[in-house]
Amino acid sequence: MISIRRGNERGHFDHGWLNTYHTFSFGSYNDPKHMGFRTLRVINEDRVQAGQGFGTHGHRDMEIISYVLEGALEHKDSMGNGSVLRPGDFQRMTAGTGVQHSEFNHSSSEPVHFYQIWLLPDRKGLAPGYEEMRRPEQPVAAGLRLVASPDGREGSLTVHQDAMIYLGRIAEGESVEHVIANGRHAWIQVLRGSIRMNDDALHAGDGAAISDELSVTMRGESDAELMVFDLA
């Protein structure tokens, strides 16, 4: 079973300094039909204007992953971490027992475009933690690359949940298959470009929940970038 979540149906707010889309209910956007999928709780697509950002605020008991598509995202937190994420960089923050952090556009002239993803952790009360994965120095082959997993294998980020996250790049006309193990589920989120997933056309901002399927095949309708969430 495949259920499509169109990008233009997401919650949307344009605050001037922030243009944001919420795939699932978040903040003042409440949609009882879209509260998350399995342990995937938040997929927010944010564009923040130059010199603007989110002031210091707190989180608890959540696995928070950020991925930068364009621009530069500056991060600071109460664990003493401070860095600038650039296109292709990932960050994982375990909020656990509580953490304070801020996120700002590092540039004084260009916007930053990034995705922030929240996963429910496998247990509450974890010690706060932080990890980064920088964009590979050498070009990565087309297909799916593991970027987060419970055991950090293949150099991926370590998440405290039975979830694997893949970053996919598919050239126009090429296809990639993702096999879904028995009893597992998947969410596909298109970040850039367009794909055809089985019989469905998906464009940037579109997502799809997948259950009771043995596999899913994604073909590039144009050069595309996407995330695949493999979930228990």
Protein backbone atom coordinates (compact mmCIF):
# COMPACT_ATOMS: atom_id res chain seq x y z
CA MET A 1 0.00 0.00 0.00
CA ILE A 2 1.34 3.40 -1.00
CA SER A 3 -0.09 6.70 0.27
CA ILE A 4 1.11 9.92 -1.37
CA ARG A 5 1.62 13.14 0.61
CA ARG A 6 1.81 15.96 -1.94
CA GLY A 7 4.16 18.81 -1.24
CA ASN A 8 1.51 21.46 -1.90
CA GLU A 9 -0.77 19.84 0.70
CA ARG A 10 1.75 20.20 3.54
CA GLY A 11 1.35 22.74 6.28
CA HIS A 12 2.89 26.01 5.06
CA PHE A 13 3.87 29.24 6.80
CA ASP A 14 5.74 32.20 5.35
CA HIS A 15 6.97 34.40 8.18
CA GLY A 16 9.15 36.55 5.95
CA TRP A 17 12.41 35.46 7.58
CA LEU A 18 11.28 31.80 7.43
CA ASN A 19 9.44 29.93 4.68
CA THR A 20 8.56 26.51 6.07
CA TYR A 21 6.64 23.39 5.02
CA HIS A 22 5.51 20.71 7.48
CA THR A 23 4.83 17.19 6.20
CA PHE A 24 3.40 16.26 9.60
CA SER A 25 1.69 18.24 12.37
CA PHE A 26 4.16 20.63 13.98
CA GLY A 27 3.84 23.71 16.17
CA SER A 28 0.69 25.63 15.24
CA TYR A 29 0.02 23.30 12.28
CA ASN A 30 -2.29 20.55 13.51
CA ASP A 31 -3.59 17.91 11.12
CA PRO A 32 -4.91 14.79 12.88
CA LYS A 33 -4.55 12.82 9.63
CA HIS A 34 -0.83 13.57 9.44
CA MET A 35 0.77 13.12 12.86
CA GLY A 36 3.78 11.16 11.62
CA PHE A 37 4.53 7.76 10.15
CA ARG A 38 5.76 4.92 12.36
CA THR A 39 8.64 6.44 14.39
CA LEU A 40 9.06 9.30 11.90
CA ARG A 41 7.52 12.32 13.63
CA VAL A 42 8.68 15.48 11.78
CA ILE A 43 9.80 16.35 8.25
CA ASN A 44 10.17 20.11 7.95
CA GLU A 45 11.55 21.84 4.87
CA ASP A 46 12.88 25.27 5.88
CA ARG A 47 14.26 28.25 4.00
CA VAL A 48 15.74 30.90 6.28
CA GLN A 49 16.68 34.36 5.08
CA ALA A 50 20.19 35.79 5.47
CA GLY A 51 21.20 36.57 9.04
CA GLN A 52 18.00 35.08 10.50
CA GLY A 53 17.29 31.92 12.43
CA PHE A 54 15.89 30.09 15.42
CA GLY A 55 17.04 31.47 18.78
CA THR A 56 18.01 29.23 21.66
CA HIS A 57 15.25 26.75 22.48
CA GLY A 58 14.94 23.34 24.08
CA HIS A 59 14.13 19.76 23.07
CA ARG A 60 13.72 16.47 24.94
CA ASP A 61 13.48 12.80 23.99
CA MET A 62 13.85 13.17 20.23
CA GLU A 63 16.39 12.19 17.57
CA ILE A 64 16.86 15.31 15.40
CA ILE A 65 18.56 15.12 12.01
CA SER A 66 19.33 18.12 9.81
CA TYR A 67 20.42 18.05 6.16
CA VAL A 68 21.53 21.15 4.27
CA LEU A 69 20.66 21.49 0.58
CA GLU A 70 21.81 25.07 -0.05
CA GLY A 71 23.56 27.78 1.94
CA ALA A 72 25.15 27.49 5.40
CA LEU A 73 23.47 26.59 8.69
CA GLU A 74 25.14 27.62 11.95
CA HIS A 75 24.49 25.43 15.01
CA LYS A 76 25.24 26.00 18.71
CA ASP A 77 24.06 23.92 21.66
CA SER A 78 24.28 23.49 25.42
CA MET A 79 26.63 20.50 24.98
CA GLY A 80 29.31 22.92 23.77
CA ASN A 81 29.02 22.10 20.08
CA GLY A 82 29.25 24.85 17.49
CA SER A 83 29.70 24.44 13.74
CA VAL A 84 28.53 25.48 10.30
CA LEU A 85 26.82 22.90 8.08
CA ARG A 86 27.09 23.33 4.32
CA PRO A 87 25.37 21.63 1.35
CA GLY A 88 25.56 17.86 1.66
CA ASP A 89 26.30 17.91 5.41
CA PHE A 90 24.25 16.00 7.99
CA GLN A 91 23.87 16.50 11.72
CA ARG A 92 22.33 14.27 14.40
CA MET A 93 21.37 15.57 17.81
CA THR A 94 19.99 13.31 20.53
CA ALA A 95 17.88 15.58 22.73
CA GLY A 96 17.43 12.92 25.40
CA THR A 97 17.12 14.33 28.92
CA GLY A 98 17.19 17.86 27.51
CA VAL A 99 19.28 20.09 25.31
CA GLN A 100 19.22 23.76 24.31
CA HIS A 101 20.31 24.81 20.83
CA SER A 102 20.06 27.54 18.20
CA GLU A 103 20.14 27.44 14.40
CA PHE A 104 20.94 30.46 12.28
CA ASN A 105 21.69 31.25 8.67
CA HIS A 106 25.45 31.74 8.73
CA SER A 107 25.38 33.99 5.65
CA SER A 108 24.65 37.71 5.68
CA SER A 109 23.56 37.66 2.03
CA GLU A 110 22.24 34.24 0.94
CA PRO A 111 19.32 32.10 2.19
CA VAL A 112 19.81 28.63 3.67
CA HIS A 113 17.62 25.71 2.60
CA PHE A 114 17.55 22.61 4.77
CA TYR A 115 15.43 19.72 6.01
CA GLN A 116 14.96 18.91 9.68
CA ILE A 117 13.76 15.44 10.61
CA TRP A 118 12.65 14.12 14.00
CA LEU A 119 12.52 10.45 14.96
CA LEU A 120 11.04 9.15 18.19
CA PRO A 121 13.86 7.47 20.16
CA ASP A 122 13.71 3.83 21.21
CA ARG A 123 13.62 4.93 24.85
CA LYS A 124 13.31 8.09 26.91
CA GLY A 125 15.97 9.59 29.13
CA LEU A 126 18.97 9.12 26.84
CA ALA A 127 22.07 11.19 27.45
CA PRO A 128 22.18 14.13 25.03
CA GLY A 129 24.52 13.56 22.08
CA TYR A 130 25.74 15.17 18.88
CA GLU A 131 27.27 13.93 15.64
CA GLU A 132 28.04 15.29 12.18
CA MET A 133 28.62 13.70 8.79
CA ARG A 134 30.23 15.91 6.20
CA ARG A 135 29.65 15.70 2.47
CA PRO A 136 32.08 13.18 0.92
CA GLU A 137 35.13 14.80 -0.64
CA GLN A 138 34.88 12.52 -3.66
CA PRO A 139 31.73 12.26 -5.81
CA VAL A 140 29.39 9.50 -4.63
CA ALA A 141 28.02 7.00 -7.13
CA ALA A 142 24.36 7.30 -8.04
CA GLY A 143 21.97 5.24 -5.94
CA LEU A 144 21.20 5.03 -2.24
CA ARG A 145 23.81 5.84 0.45
CA LEU A 146 23.21 4.94 4.08
CA VAL A 147 23.40 8.12 6.17
CA ALA A 148 21.87 7.00 9.50
CA SER A 149 21.42 3.64 11.25
CA PRO A 150 21.13 2.16 14.75
CA ASP A 151 24.77 0.95 14.74
CA GLY A 152 26.46 3.69 12.68
CA ARG A 153 27.63 1.21 10.07
CA GLU A 154 29.25 2.34 6.83
CA GLY A 155 30.18 5.62 8.47
CA SER A 156 26.55 6.64 8.96
CA LEU A 157 25.14 8.70 11.80
CA THR A 158 24.00 6.69 14.82
CA VAL A 159 20.31 7.03 15.70
CA HIS A 160 18.66 5.53 18.77
CA GLN A 161 15.87 3.86 16.85
CA ASP A 162 15.34 0.86 14.56
CA ALA A 163 15.52 3.03 11.46
CA MET A 164 17.78 3.35 8.46
CA ILE A 165 17.93 6.58 6.47
CA TYR A 166 19.31 6.64 2.93
CA LEU A 167 20.18 9.61 0.74
CA GLY A 168 19.49 8.88 -2.90
CA ARG A 169 20.65 10.53 -6.09
CA ILE A 170 19.05 9.31 -9.29
CA ALA A 171 19.95 10.64 -12.73
CA GLU A 172 17.26 11.19 -15.33
CA GLY A 173 16.30 7.85 -16.88
CA GLU A 174 18.06 5.74 -14.24
CA SER A 175 16.34 3.51 -11.68
CA VAL A 176 17.02 2.47 -8.10
CA GLU A 177 15.22 -0.28 -6.18
CA HIS A 178 14.81 -0.39 -2.41
CA VAL A 179 13.88 -3.78 -0.95
CA ILE A 180 11.61 -3.64 2.10
CA ALA A 181 12.03 -6.51 4.56
CA ASN A 182 8.99 -8.36 5.83
CA GLY A 183 7.21 -6.36 8.52
CA ARG A 184 9.03 -3.12 7.76
CA HIS A 185 7.80 0.12 6.20
CA ALA A 186 9.28 2.98 4.19
CA TRP A 187 8.81 6.68 3.67
CA ILE A 188 10.16 8.36 0.51
CA GLN A 189 10.75 12.13 0.56
CA VAL A 190 11.74 13.86 -2.68
CA LEU A 191 14.15 16.72 -2.02
CA ARG A 192 14.92 17.86 -5.55
CA GLY A 193 13.83 16.95 -9.06
CA SER A 194 11.19 14.39 -10.00
CA ILE A 195 10.90 10.62 -9.90
CA ARG A 196 8.43 7.95 -10.84
CA MET A 197 7.92 5.53 -7.97
CA ASN A 198 6.28 2.42 -9.32
CA ASP A 199 3.28 4.06 -11.07
CA ASP A 200 3.27 7.36 -9.18
CA ALA A 201 5.00 10.61 -10.22
CA LEU A 202 6.62 12.41 -7.28
CA HIS A 203 8.12 15.90 -7.37
CA ALA A 204 10.23 17.96 -4.99
CA GLY A 205 8.38 18.24 -1.67
CA ASP A 206 6.25 15.13 -2.23
CA GLY A 207 6.41 12.19 0.16
CA ALA A 208 5.04 8.66 0.20
CA ALA A 209 4.23 6.19 2.98
CA ILE A 210 4.81 2.56 1.98
CA SER A 211 3.54 -0.51 3.84
CA ASP A 212 2.96 -4.14 2.85
CA GLU A 213 5.19 -3.85 -0.21
CA LEU A 214 8.19 -6.06 -0.98
CA SER A 215 10.14 -3.32 -2.73
CA VAL A 216 9.82 0.06 -4.38
CA THR A 217 11.46 1.16 -7.64
CA MET A 218 12.32 4.81 -8.20
CA ARG A 219 13.13 6.12 -11.68
CA GLY A 220 14.46 9.58 -12.36
CA GLU A 221 12.07 11.71 -14.40
CA SER A 222 14.76 14.37 -14.04
CA ASP A 223 17.96 14.39 -12.00
CA ALA A 224 16.61 13.87 -8.48
CA GLU A 225 17.66 13.75 -4.84
CA LEU A 226 15.58 12.00 -2.19
CA MET A 227 15.58 10.37 1.22
CA VAL A 228 14.40 6.84 1.99
CA PHE A 229 13.41 6.06 5.57
CA ASP A 230 13.35 2.30 6.31
CA LEU A 231 11.29 1.90 9.50
CA ALA A 232 10.14 -0.84 11.85
